[in-house]
């Protein structure tokens, strides 16, 4: 029962106090799993990879993974529900009042402040995920493979617009050969 309560508190607070989507939530998820001693940094790096590869929102996938790893199927259900509940309730409230105040200068100002903050949170998540991925790849010795795969992915995605699913699968296969 304590495991379920820990998962609920952890993911409810993540869902309630993080903004900007799943990638922006990753630093808070990492802080919480460290605070509660739920998983190691190596497993967290795996969580990020699996959350990216599987369909659905990153935060929901991450919650499901952590819950399953920590407390089985019940833990996965509790963590997934807990991370989604605050957003669900907040969206019901926001939608109810949004039409009434959408032209307000206060509402417009709020969105002008939230947009750059969200970009900053996503940038922080990118840096954080890169650090944990390099550590999981073996630190300095694994950096050349990590940055090689990273550079090829950026090139293929940015320049040639290769499908992200194909890139993910392809880089996973490449990782087997050069890192495995």
N, C-alpha and C. Protein backbone atom coordinates (compact mmCIF):
# COMPACT_ATOMS: atom_id res chain seq x y z
N UNK A 1 0.83 -1.21 0.00
CA UNK A 1 0.00 0.00 0.00
C UNK A 1 0.87 1.26 0.00
N UNK A 2 1.98 1.25 0.71
CA UNK A 2 2.88 2.40 0.75
C UNK A 2 3.44 2.70 -0.64
N UNK A 3 3.75 1.65 -1.41
CA UNK A 3 4.27 1.85 -2.76
C UNK A 3 3.24 2.58 -3.62
N UNK A 4 1.99 2.18 -3.53
CA UNK A 4 0.94 2.85 -4.31
C UNK A 4 0.77 4.30 -3.89
N UNK A 5 0.82 4.55 -2.59
CA UNK A 5 0.69 5.92 -2.09
C UNK A 5 1.87 6.77 -2.56
N UNK A 6 3.09 6.23 -2.48
CA UNK A 6 4.27 6.94 -2.97
C UNK A 6 4.11 7.29 -4.45
N UNK A 7 3.68 6.31 -5.23
CA UNK A 7 3.50 6.55 -6.66
C UNK A 7 2.44 7.60 -6.92
N UNK A 8 1.33 7.53 -6.17
CA UNK A 8 0.27 8.50 -6.38
C UNK A 8 0.75 9.90 -6.04
N UNK A 9 1.39 10.08 -4.89
CA UNK A 9 1.89 11.40 -4.49
C UNK A 9 2.89 11.92 -5.50
N UNK A 10 3.82 11.06 -5.89
CA UNK A 10 4.87 11.45 -6.82
C UNK A 10 4.28 11.92 -8.14
N UNK A 11 3.43 11.10 -8.76
CA UNK A 11 2.94 11.43 -10.09
C UNK A 11 1.79 12.43 -10.08
N UNK A 12 1.02 12.50 -9.02
CA UNK A 12 0.01 13.55 -8.92
C UNK A 12 0.69 14.90 -8.85
N UNK A 13 1.76 15.01 -8.04
CA UNK A 13 2.47 16.29 -7.94
C UNK A 13 3.17 16.63 -9.25
N UNK A 14 3.70 15.64 -9.96
CA UNK A 14 4.30 15.89 -11.27
C UNK A 14 3.24 16.41 -12.23
N UNK A 15 2.09 15.76 -12.25
CA UNK A 15 1.00 16.19 -13.12
C UNK A 15 0.46 17.57 -12.76
N UNK A 16 0.47 17.89 -11.48
CA UNK A 16 -0.10 19.15 -11.02
C UNK A 16 0.86 20.33 -11.17
N UNK A 17 2.16 20.09 -11.05
CA UNK A 17 3.10 21.20 -10.97
C UNK A 17 4.09 21.30 -12.12
N UNK A 18 3.92 20.52 -13.16
CA UNK A 18 4.82 20.65 -14.30
C UNK A 18 4.00 21.02 -15.53
N UNK A 19 4.60 21.85 -16.35
CA UNK A 19 3.93 22.38 -17.52
C UNK A 19 4.80 22.17 -18.74
N UNK A 20 4.19 22.15 -19.91
CA UNK A 20 4.95 22.09 -21.14
C UNK A 20 5.03 20.73 -21.78
N UNK A 21 4.30 19.78 -21.29
CA UNK A 21 4.31 18.46 -21.91
C UNK A 21 5.33 17.52 -21.29
N UNK A 22 5.37 16.33 -21.85
CA UNK A 22 6.18 15.25 -21.28
C UNK A 22 7.65 15.54 -21.20
N UNK A 23 8.24 16.12 -22.26
CA UNK A 23 9.68 16.38 -22.23
C UNK A 23 10.02 17.38 -21.14
N UNK A 24 9.17 18.36 -20.95
CA UNK A 24 9.41 19.35 -19.91
C UNK A 24 9.23 18.75 -18.52
N UNK A 25 8.49 17.64 -18.42
CA UNK A 25 8.26 16.98 -17.14
C UNK A 25 9.42 16.07 -16.72
N UNK A 26 10.26 15.68 -17.67
CA UNK A 26 11.30 14.70 -17.36
C UNK A 26 12.23 15.10 -16.21
N UNK A 27 12.69 16.36 -16.13
CA UNK A 27 13.53 16.70 -14.97
C UNK A 27 12.82 16.51 -13.63
N UNK A 28 11.54 16.88 -13.58
CA UNK A 28 10.78 16.70 -12.34
C UNK A 28 10.56 15.22 -12.04
N UNK A 29 10.28 14.43 -13.08
CA UNK A 29 10.13 12.98 -12.88
C UNK A 29 11.42 12.41 -12.30
N UNK A 30 12.54 12.81 -12.87
CA UNK A 30 13.84 12.32 -12.38
C UNK A 30 14.06 12.72 -10.92
N UNK A 31 13.79 13.98 -10.59
CA UNK A 31 13.95 14.44 -9.20
C UNK A 31 13.09 13.63 -8.26
N UNK A 32 11.85 13.36 -8.66
CA UNK A 32 10.93 12.61 -7.80
C UNK A 32 11.37 11.15 -7.63
N UNK A 33 11.80 10.51 -8.70
CA UNK A 33 12.20 9.11 -8.54
C UNK A 33 13.46 8.99 -7.69
N UNK A 34 14.30 10.03 -7.72
CA UNK A 34 15.47 10.04 -6.85
C UNK A 34 15.05 10.30 -5.40
N UNK A 35 14.14 11.23 -5.20
CA UNK A 35 13.66 11.56 -3.85
C UNK A 35 13.01 10.35 -3.18
N UNK A 36 12.20 9.62 -3.94
CA UNK A 36 11.51 8.46 -3.38
C UNK A 36 12.32 7.16 -3.52
N UNK A 37 13.48 7.24 -4.15
CA UNK A 37 14.33 6.05 -4.31
C UNK A 37 13.69 4.97 -5.16
N UNK A 38 12.97 5.37 -6.20
CA UNK A 38 12.19 4.44 -7.00
C UNK A 38 13.03 3.72 -8.04
N UNK A 39 14.00 4.40 -8.67
CA UNK A 39 14.83 3.74 -9.69
C UNK A 39 16.16 4.46 -9.86
N UNK A 40 17.09 3.76 -10.46
CA UNK A 40 18.44 4.28 -10.67
C UNK A 40 18.48 5.21 -11.89
N UNK A 41 19.53 6.03 -11.99
CA UNK A 41 19.68 6.87 -13.18
C UNK A 41 19.78 6.06 -14.48
N UNK A 42 20.41 4.88 -14.44
CA UNK A 42 20.49 4.03 -15.63
C UNK A 42 19.10 3.60 -16.08
N UNK A 43 18.29 3.18 -15.13
CA UNK A 43 16.92 2.76 -15.48
C UNK A 43 16.12 3.95 -15.98
N UNK A 44 16.38 5.14 -15.42
CA UNK A 44 15.68 6.32 -15.89
C UNK A 44 16.02 6.60 -17.35
N UNK A 45 17.27 6.42 -17.71
CA UNK A 45 17.68 6.61 -19.10
C UNK A 45 16.93 5.64 -20.01
N UNK A 46 16.77 4.40 -19.56
CA UNK A 46 15.97 3.42 -20.31
C UNK A 46 14.52 3.87 -20.41
N UNK A 47 14.00 4.40 -19.31
CA UNK A 47 12.63 4.90 -19.27
C UNK A 47 12.42 5.96 -20.33
N UNK A 48 13.37 6.90 -20.45
CA UNK A 48 13.24 7.97 -21.44
C UNK A 48 13.19 7.38 -22.84
N UNK A 49 14.07 6.44 -23.13
CA UNK A 49 14.10 5.82 -24.46
C UNK A 49 12.79 5.08 -24.74
N UNK A 50 12.33 4.29 -23.80
CA UNK A 50 11.09 3.53 -23.99
C UNK A 50 9.89 4.47 -24.11
N UNK A 51 9.87 5.54 -23.33
CA UNK A 51 8.76 6.50 -23.39
C UNK A 51 8.70 7.20 -24.74
N UNK A 52 9.85 7.38 -25.37
CA UNK A 52 9.90 8.01 -26.69
C UNK A 52 9.45 7.05 -27.79
N UNK A 53 9.80 5.78 -27.63
CA UNK A 53 9.54 4.80 -28.69
C UNK A 53 8.09 4.33 -28.69
N UNK A 54 7.46 4.28 -27.53
CA UNK A 54 6.09 3.79 -27.44
C UNK A 54 5.09 4.91 -27.75
N UNK A 55 3.95 4.55 -28.32
CA UNK A 55 2.94 5.56 -28.64
C UNK A 55 2.37 6.19 -27.38
N UNK A 56 1.99 7.44 -27.48
CA UNK A 56 1.35 8.13 -26.37
C UNK A 56 2.23 9.21 -25.78
N UNK A 57 1.67 9.97 -24.85
CA UNK A 57 2.41 11.06 -24.22
C UNK A 57 3.58 10.55 -23.39
N UNK A 58 4.69 11.26 -23.43
CA UNK A 58 5.91 10.86 -22.74
C UNK A 58 5.66 10.73 -21.23
N UNK A 59 5.00 11.71 -20.63
CA UNK A 59 4.79 11.67 -19.18
C UNK A 59 3.94 10.48 -18.77
N UNK A 60 2.92 10.18 -19.55
CA UNK A 60 2.06 9.04 -19.24
C UNK A 60 2.84 7.74 -19.39
N UNK A 61 3.61 7.63 -20.46
CA UNK A 61 4.44 6.44 -20.66
C UNK A 61 5.46 6.29 -19.53
N UNK A 62 6.07 7.40 -19.15
CA UNK A 62 7.06 7.36 -18.07
C UNK A 62 6.41 6.93 -16.75
N UNK A 63 5.24 7.48 -16.46
CA UNK A 63 4.54 7.11 -15.23
C UNK A 63 4.20 5.63 -15.23
N UNK A 64 3.73 5.14 -16.36
CA UNK A 64 3.38 3.72 -16.47
C UNK A 64 4.62 2.85 -16.25
N UNK A 65 5.73 3.22 -16.87
CA UNK A 65 6.98 2.47 -16.74
C UNK A 65 7.46 2.45 -15.29
N UNK A 66 7.50 3.62 -14.66
CA UNK A 66 7.96 3.71 -13.27
C UNK A 66 7.04 2.89 -12.37
N UNK A 67 5.73 3.07 -12.54
CA UNK A 67 4.77 2.34 -11.71
C UNK A 67 4.91 0.84 -11.85
N UNK A 68 5.06 0.37 -13.08
CA UNK A 68 5.23 -1.07 -13.33
C UNK A 68 6.52 -1.58 -12.70
N UNK A 69 7.60 -0.83 -12.88
CA UNK A 69 8.90 -1.23 -12.34
C UNK A 69 8.88 -1.26 -10.81
N UNK A 70 8.20 -0.31 -10.21
CA UNK A 70 8.22 -0.15 -8.76
C UNK A 70 7.19 -1.01 -8.03
N UNK A 71 6.00 -1.19 -8.64
CA UNK A 71 4.93 -1.88 -7.91
C UNK A 71 4.03 -2.74 -8.80
N UNK A 72 4.52 -3.17 -9.94
CA UNK A 72 3.74 -4.08 -10.79
C UNK A 72 2.60 -3.39 -11.52
N UNK A 73 1.65 -4.20 -11.99
CA UNK A 73 0.52 -3.70 -12.78
C UNK A 73 -0.30 -2.67 -12.00
N UNK A 74 -0.56 -2.92 -10.75
CA UNK A 74 -1.30 -1.96 -9.93
C UNK A 74 -0.57 -0.63 -9.83
N UNK A 75 0.75 -0.69 -9.67
CA UNK A 75 1.56 0.52 -9.61
C UNK A 75 1.50 1.29 -10.91
N UNK A 76 1.52 0.57 -12.04
CA UNK A 76 1.41 1.23 -13.34
C UNK A 76 0.08 1.96 -13.45
N UNK A 77 -1.01 1.32 -13.01
CA UNK A 77 -2.33 1.95 -13.07
C UNK A 77 -2.41 3.18 -12.18
N UNK A 78 -1.89 3.07 -10.97
CA UNK A 78 -1.92 4.20 -10.02
C UNK A 78 -1.11 5.37 -10.56
N UNK A 79 0.11 5.11 -11.01
CA UNK A 79 0.98 6.18 -11.49
C UNK A 79 0.40 6.86 -12.73
N UNK A 80 -0.15 6.06 -13.64
CA UNK A 80 -0.73 6.61 -14.86
C UNK A 80 -1.94 7.49 -14.55
N UNK A 81 -2.81 7.00 -13.69
CA UNK A 81 -4.00 7.79 -13.30
C UNK A 81 -3.58 9.06 -12.57
N UNK A 82 -2.60 8.95 -11.69
CA UNK A 82 -2.17 10.09 -10.88
C UNK A 82 -1.57 11.20 -11.74
N UNK A 83 -0.77 10.85 -12.76
CA UNK A 83 -0.15 11.89 -13.59
C UNK A 83 -1.19 12.55 -14.49
N UNK A 84 -2.24 11.84 -14.87
CA UNK A 84 -3.25 12.39 -15.77
C UNK A 84 -4.34 13.17 -15.03
N UNK A 85 -4.62 12.83 -13.80
CA UNK A 85 -5.73 13.43 -13.06
C UNK A 85 -5.66 14.96 -12.95
N UNK A 86 -4.53 15.54 -12.56
CA UNK A 86 -4.51 17.01 -12.45
C UNK A 86 -4.80 17.71 -13.78
N UNK A 87 -4.24 17.21 -14.87
CA UNK A 87 -4.48 17.82 -16.18
C UNK A 87 -5.94 17.70 -16.57
N UNK A 88 -6.53 16.56 -16.32
CA UNK A 88 -7.93 16.34 -16.65
C UNK A 88 -8.82 17.34 -15.91
N UNK A 89 -8.62 17.46 -14.62
CA UNK A 89 -9.44 18.38 -13.81
C UNK A 89 -9.19 19.83 -14.23
N UNK A 90 -7.92 20.19 -14.42
CA UNK A 90 -7.59 21.56 -14.81
C UNK A 90 -8.18 21.92 -16.17
N UNK A 91 -8.11 21.00 -17.12
CA UNK A 91 -8.67 21.28 -18.45
C UNK A 91 -10.19 21.47 -18.38
N UNK A 92 -10.86 20.69 -17.55
CA UNK A 92 -12.31 20.89 -17.39
C UNK A 92 -12.60 22.30 -16.88
N UNK A 93 -11.81 22.76 -15.91
CA UNK A 93 -12.01 24.10 -15.35
C UNK A 93 -11.64 25.19 -16.35
N UNK A 94 -10.51 25.02 -17.02
CA UNK A 94 -10.05 26.03 -17.98
C UNK A 94 -11.03 26.17 -19.13
N UNK A 95 -11.46 25.05 -19.67
CA UNK A 95 -12.39 25.11 -20.80
C UNK A 95 -13.71 25.77 -20.44
N UNK A 96 -14.10 25.60 -19.21
CA UNK A 96 -15.35 26.20 -18.76
C UNK A 96 -15.29 27.73 -18.79
N UNK A 97 -14.10 28.28 -18.45
CA UNK A 97 -13.98 29.74 -18.36
C UNK A 97 -13.21 30.37 -19.53
N UNK A 98 -12.60 29.58 -20.38
CA UNK A 98 -11.76 30.11 -21.44
C UNK A 98 -12.53 31.01 -22.40
N UNK A 99 -13.66 30.57 -22.85
CA UNK A 99 -14.44 31.37 -23.81
C UNK A 99 -14.78 32.75 -23.24
N UNK A 100 -15.06 32.77 -21.98
CA UNK A 100 -15.49 34.01 -21.35
C UNK A 100 -14.34 35.03 -21.29
N UNK A 101 -13.10 34.57 -21.10
CA UNK A 101 -11.98 35.48 -20.86
C UNK A 101 -10.89 35.42 -21.93
N UNK A 102 -11.14 34.79 -23.08
CA UNK A 102 -10.07 34.61 -24.05
C UNK A 102 -9.56 35.91 -24.66
N UNK A 103 -10.33 36.96 -24.67
CA UNK A 103 -9.89 38.25 -25.21
C UNK A 103 -9.30 39.17 -24.15
N UNK A 104 -9.25 38.72 -22.92
CA UNK A 104 -8.73 39.53 -21.82
C UNK A 104 -7.22 39.75 -21.98
N UNK A 105 -6.75 40.95 -21.64
CA UNK A 105 -5.32 41.23 -21.71
C UNK A 105 -4.55 40.39 -20.67
N UNK A 106 -5.17 40.07 -19.58
CA UNK A 106 -4.53 39.22 -18.57
C UNK A 106 -4.32 37.82 -19.13
N UNK A 107 -5.35 37.27 -19.78
CA UNK A 107 -5.23 35.93 -20.37
C UNK A 107 -4.15 35.93 -21.44
N UNK A 108 -4.13 36.94 -22.30
CA UNK A 108 -3.11 37.03 -23.34
C UNK A 108 -1.72 37.14 -22.72
N UNK A 109 -1.60 37.93 -21.66
CA UNK A 109 -0.30 38.07 -20.97
C UNK A 109 0.17 36.77 -20.35
N UNK A 110 -0.76 36.02 -19.79
CA UNK A 110 -0.40 34.72 -19.21
C UNK A 110 0.20 33.82 -20.28
N UNK A 111 -0.44 33.75 -21.43
CA UNK A 111 0.07 32.89 -22.51
C UNK A 111 1.40 33.40 -23.06
N UNK A 112 1.60 34.71 -23.09
CA UNK A 112 2.88 35.26 -23.55
C UNK A 112 4.00 34.90 -22.57
N UNK A 113 3.69 34.73 -21.31
CA UNK A 113 4.69 34.31 -20.34
C UNK A 113 4.93 32.80 -20.33
N UNK A 114 3.87 32.05 -20.56
CA UNK A 114 3.98 30.59 -20.52
C UNK A 114 4.77 30.04 -21.71
N UNK A 115 4.59 30.61 -22.89
CA UNK A 115 5.26 30.07 -24.10
C UNK A 115 6.78 30.02 -23.95
N UNK A 116 7.46 31.13 -23.63
CA UNK A 116 8.92 31.03 -23.51
C UNK A 116 9.37 30.17 -22.33
N UNK A 117 8.58 30.15 -21.27
CA UNK A 117 8.92 29.29 -20.13
C UNK A 117 8.87 27.82 -20.54
N UNK A 118 7.90 27.48 -21.36
CA UNK A 118 7.78 26.10 -21.85
C UNK A 118 8.97 25.73 -22.72
N UNK A 119 9.40 26.63 -23.58
CA UNK A 119 10.58 26.37 -24.41
C UNK A 119 11.80 26.15 -23.52
N UNK A 120 11.94 26.96 -22.48
CA UNK A 120 13.05 26.80 -21.54
C UNK A 120 13.01 25.46 -20.82
N UNK A 121 11.82 25.03 -20.42
CA UNK A 121 11.69 23.74 -19.75
C UNK A 121 12.04 22.59 -20.68
N UNK A 122 11.63 22.69 -21.94
CA UNK A 122 11.96 21.65 -22.90
C UNK A 122 13.48 21.63 -23.15
N UNK A 123 14.10 22.81 -23.26
CA UNK A 123 15.55 22.87 -23.45
C UNK A 123 16.27 22.24 -22.25
N UNK A 124 15.79 22.53 -21.05
CA UNK A 124 16.39 21.92 -19.85
C UNK A 124 16.24 20.40 -19.88
N UNK A 125 15.09 19.92 -20.34
CA UNK A 125 14.86 18.48 -20.45
C UNK A 125 15.82 17.86 -21.45
N UNK A 126 16.06 18.54 -22.55
CA UNK A 126 16.99 18.02 -23.56
C UNK A 126 18.39 17.88 -22.96
N UNK A 127 18.84 18.89 -22.25
CA UNK A 127 20.17 18.85 -21.62
C UNK A 127 20.22 17.73 -20.59
N UNK A 128 19.18 17.64 -19.78
CA UNK A 128 19.12 16.62 -18.74
C UNK A 128 19.13 15.21 -19.33
N UNK A 129 18.32 14.98 -20.35
CA UNK A 129 18.25 13.66 -20.98
C UNK A 129 19.58 13.32 -21.62
N UNK A 130 20.23 14.30 -22.26
CA UNK A 130 21.54 14.07 -22.86
C UNK A 130 22.56 13.64 -21.80
N UNK A 131 22.55 14.31 -20.65
CA UNK A 131 23.48 13.94 -19.58
C UNK A 131 23.25 12.52 -19.09
N UNK A 132 21.99 12.15 -18.86
CA UNK A 132 21.72 10.79 -18.37
C UNK A 132 22.01 9.76 -19.43
N UNK A 133 21.78 10.09 -20.70
CA UNK A 133 22.05 9.14 -21.78
C UNK A 133 23.55 8.92 -21.94
N UNK A 134 24.34 10.00 -21.84
CA UNK A 134 25.80 9.85 -21.93
C UNK A 134 26.30 9.02 -20.76
N UNK A 135 25.79 9.28 -19.55
CA UNK A 135 26.19 8.49 -18.39
C UNK A 135 25.83 7.02 -18.58
N UNK A 136 24.64 6.75 -19.10
CA UNK A 136 24.21 5.37 -19.32
C UNK A 136 25.03 4.70 -20.42
N UNK A 137 25.55 5.50 -21.37
CA UNK A 137 26.35 4.95 -22.46
C UNK A 137 27.77 4.63 -22.03
N UNK A 138 28.10 4.90 -20.79
CA UNK A 138 29.44 4.58 -20.30
C UNK A 138 30.32 5.80 -20.12
N UNK A 139 29.70 6.97 -19.96
CA UNK A 139 30.47 8.18 -19.71
C UNK A 139 31.32 8.55 -20.91
N UNK A 140 32.55 8.94 -20.64
CA UNK A 140 33.46 9.42 -21.68
C UNK A 140 33.68 8.37 -22.76
N UNK A 141 33.81 7.10 -22.36
CA UNK A 141 34.09 6.06 -23.34
C UNK A 141 32.93 5.85 -24.31
N UNK A 142 31.70 6.15 -23.90
CA UNK A 142 30.55 5.95 -24.76
C UNK A 142 30.10 7.20 -25.50
N UNK A 143 30.79 8.32 -25.25
CA UNK A 143 30.33 9.58 -25.82
C UNK A 143 30.43 9.62 -27.34
N UNK A 144 31.47 9.06 -27.93
CA UNK A 144 31.60 9.17 -29.38
C UNK A 144 30.45 8.46 -30.09
N UNK A 145 30.06 7.27 -29.59
CA UNK A 145 28.92 6.57 -30.17
C UNK A 145 27.64 7.36 -29.96
N UNK A 146 27.47 7.89 -28.75
CA UNK A 146 26.28 8.66 -28.43
C UNK A 146 26.15 9.86 -29.36
N UNK A 147 27.22 10.65 -29.46
CA UNK A 147 27.16 11.86 -30.28
C UNK A 147 27.10 11.54 -31.76
N UNK A 148 27.67 10.42 -32.18
CA UNK A 148 27.54 10.00 -33.57
C UNK A 148 26.11 9.70 -33.93
N UNK A 149 25.45 8.90 -33.10
CA UNK A 149 24.03 8.57 -33.33
C UNK A 149 23.18 9.84 -33.26
N UNK A 150 23.50 10.70 -32.30
CA UNK A 150 22.79 11.96 -32.15
C UNK A 150 22.93 12.81 -33.41
N UNK A 151 24.15 12.97 -33.91
CA UNK A 151 24.40 13.82 -35.08
C UNK A 151 23.70 13.26 -36.33
N UNK A 152 23.78 11.96 -36.52
CA UNK A 152 23.12 11.35 -37.68
C UNK A 152 21.61 11.54 -37.58
N UNK A 153 21.06 11.40 -36.39
CA UNK A 153 19.62 11.59 -36.20
C UNK A 153 19.21 13.02 -36.50
N UNK A 154 19.96 13.99 -35.98
CA UNK A 154 19.64 15.40 -36.24
C UNK A 154 19.71 15.68 -37.75
N UNK A 155 20.74 15.20 -38.41
CA UNK A 155 20.90 15.41 -39.84
C UNK A 155 19.74 14.80 -40.63
N UNK A 156 19.46 13.53 -40.36
CA UNK A 156 18.40 12.84 -41.10
C UNK A 156 17.02 13.45 -40.83
N UNK A 157 16.80 13.87 -39.61
CA UNK A 157 15.51 14.46 -39.26
C UNK A 157 15.39 15.89 -39.79
N UNK A 158 16.39 16.71 -39.51
CA UNK A 158 16.32 18.12 -39.88
C UNK A 158 16.49 18.39 -41.35
N UNK A 159 17.45 17.76 -41.97
CA UNK A 159 17.77 18.03 -43.38
C UNK A 159 16.91 17.21 -44.35
N UNK A 160 16.73 15.93 -44.02
CA UNK A 160 16.06 15.04 -44.96
C UNK A 160 14.64 14.66 -44.53
N UNK A 161 14.20 15.13 -43.37
CA UNK A 161 12.83 14.92 -42.87
C UNK A 161 12.45 13.43 -42.82
N UNK A 162 13.39 12.61 -42.38
CA UNK A 162 13.12 11.18 -42.24
C UNK A 162 12.11 10.99 -41.12
N UNK A 163 11.18 10.09 -41.30
CA UNK A 163 10.13 9.80 -40.33
C UNK A 163 10.75 9.48 -38.96
N UNK A 164 10.27 10.11 -37.88
CA UNK A 164 10.84 9.87 -36.55
C UNK A 164 10.76 8.40 -36.10
N UNK A 165 9.70 7.72 -36.50
CA UNK A 165 9.59 6.31 -36.13
C UNK A 165 10.69 5.50 -36.81
N UNK A 166 10.91 5.78 -38.08
CA UNK A 166 11.97 5.08 -38.81
C UNK A 166 13.34 5.41 -38.22
N UNK A 167 13.54 6.67 -37.83
CA UNK A 167 14.80 7.05 -37.20
C UNK A 167 15.01 6.31 -35.89
N UNK A 168 13.99 6.26 -35.08
CA UNK A 168 14.10 5.59 -33.78
C UNK A 168 14.43 4.12 -33.96
N UNK A 169 13.71 3.45 -34.84
CA UNK A 169 13.97 2.03 -35.09
C UNK A 169 15.37 1.85 -35.68
N UNK A 170 15.69 2.67 -36.67
CA UNK A 170 17.00 2.57 -37.32
C UNK A 170 18.16 2.81 -36.37
N UNK A 171 18.04 3.83 -35.51
CA UNK A 171 19.12 4.12 -34.56
C UNK A 171 19.20 3.06 -33.47
N UNK A 172 18.07 2.46 -33.14
CA UNK A 172 18.11 1.33 -32.20
C UNK A 172 18.88 0.17 -32.78
N UNK A 173 18.63 -0.13 -34.04
CA UNK A 173 19.36 -1.22 -34.73
C UNK A 173 20.84 -0.86 -34.84
N UNK A 174 21.13 0.39 -35.22
CA UNK A 174 22.52 0.84 -35.31
C UNK A 174 23.21 0.71 -33.95
N UNK A 175 22.48 1.06 -32.89
CA UNK A 175 23.04 0.95 -31.54
C UNK A 175 23.44 -0.46 -31.18
N UNK A 176 22.66 -1.43 -31.65
CA UNK A 176 23.00 -2.84 -31.39
C UNK A 176 24.36 -3.16 -31.98
N UNK A 177 24.61 -2.67 -33.18
CA UNK A 177 25.85 -3.01 -33.87
C UNK A 177 27.06 -2.23 -33.36
N UNK A 178 26.89 -0.93 -33.06
CA UNK A 178 28.08 -0.17 -32.66
C UNK A 178 28.26 -0.03 -31.16
N UNK A 179 27.20 -0.26 -30.40
CA UNK A 179 27.31 -0.10 -28.95
C UNK A 179 27.12 -1.43 -28.20
N UNK A 180 26.51 -2.40 -28.86
CA UNK A 180 26.14 -3.64 -28.18
C UNK A 180 27.16 -4.67 -28.18
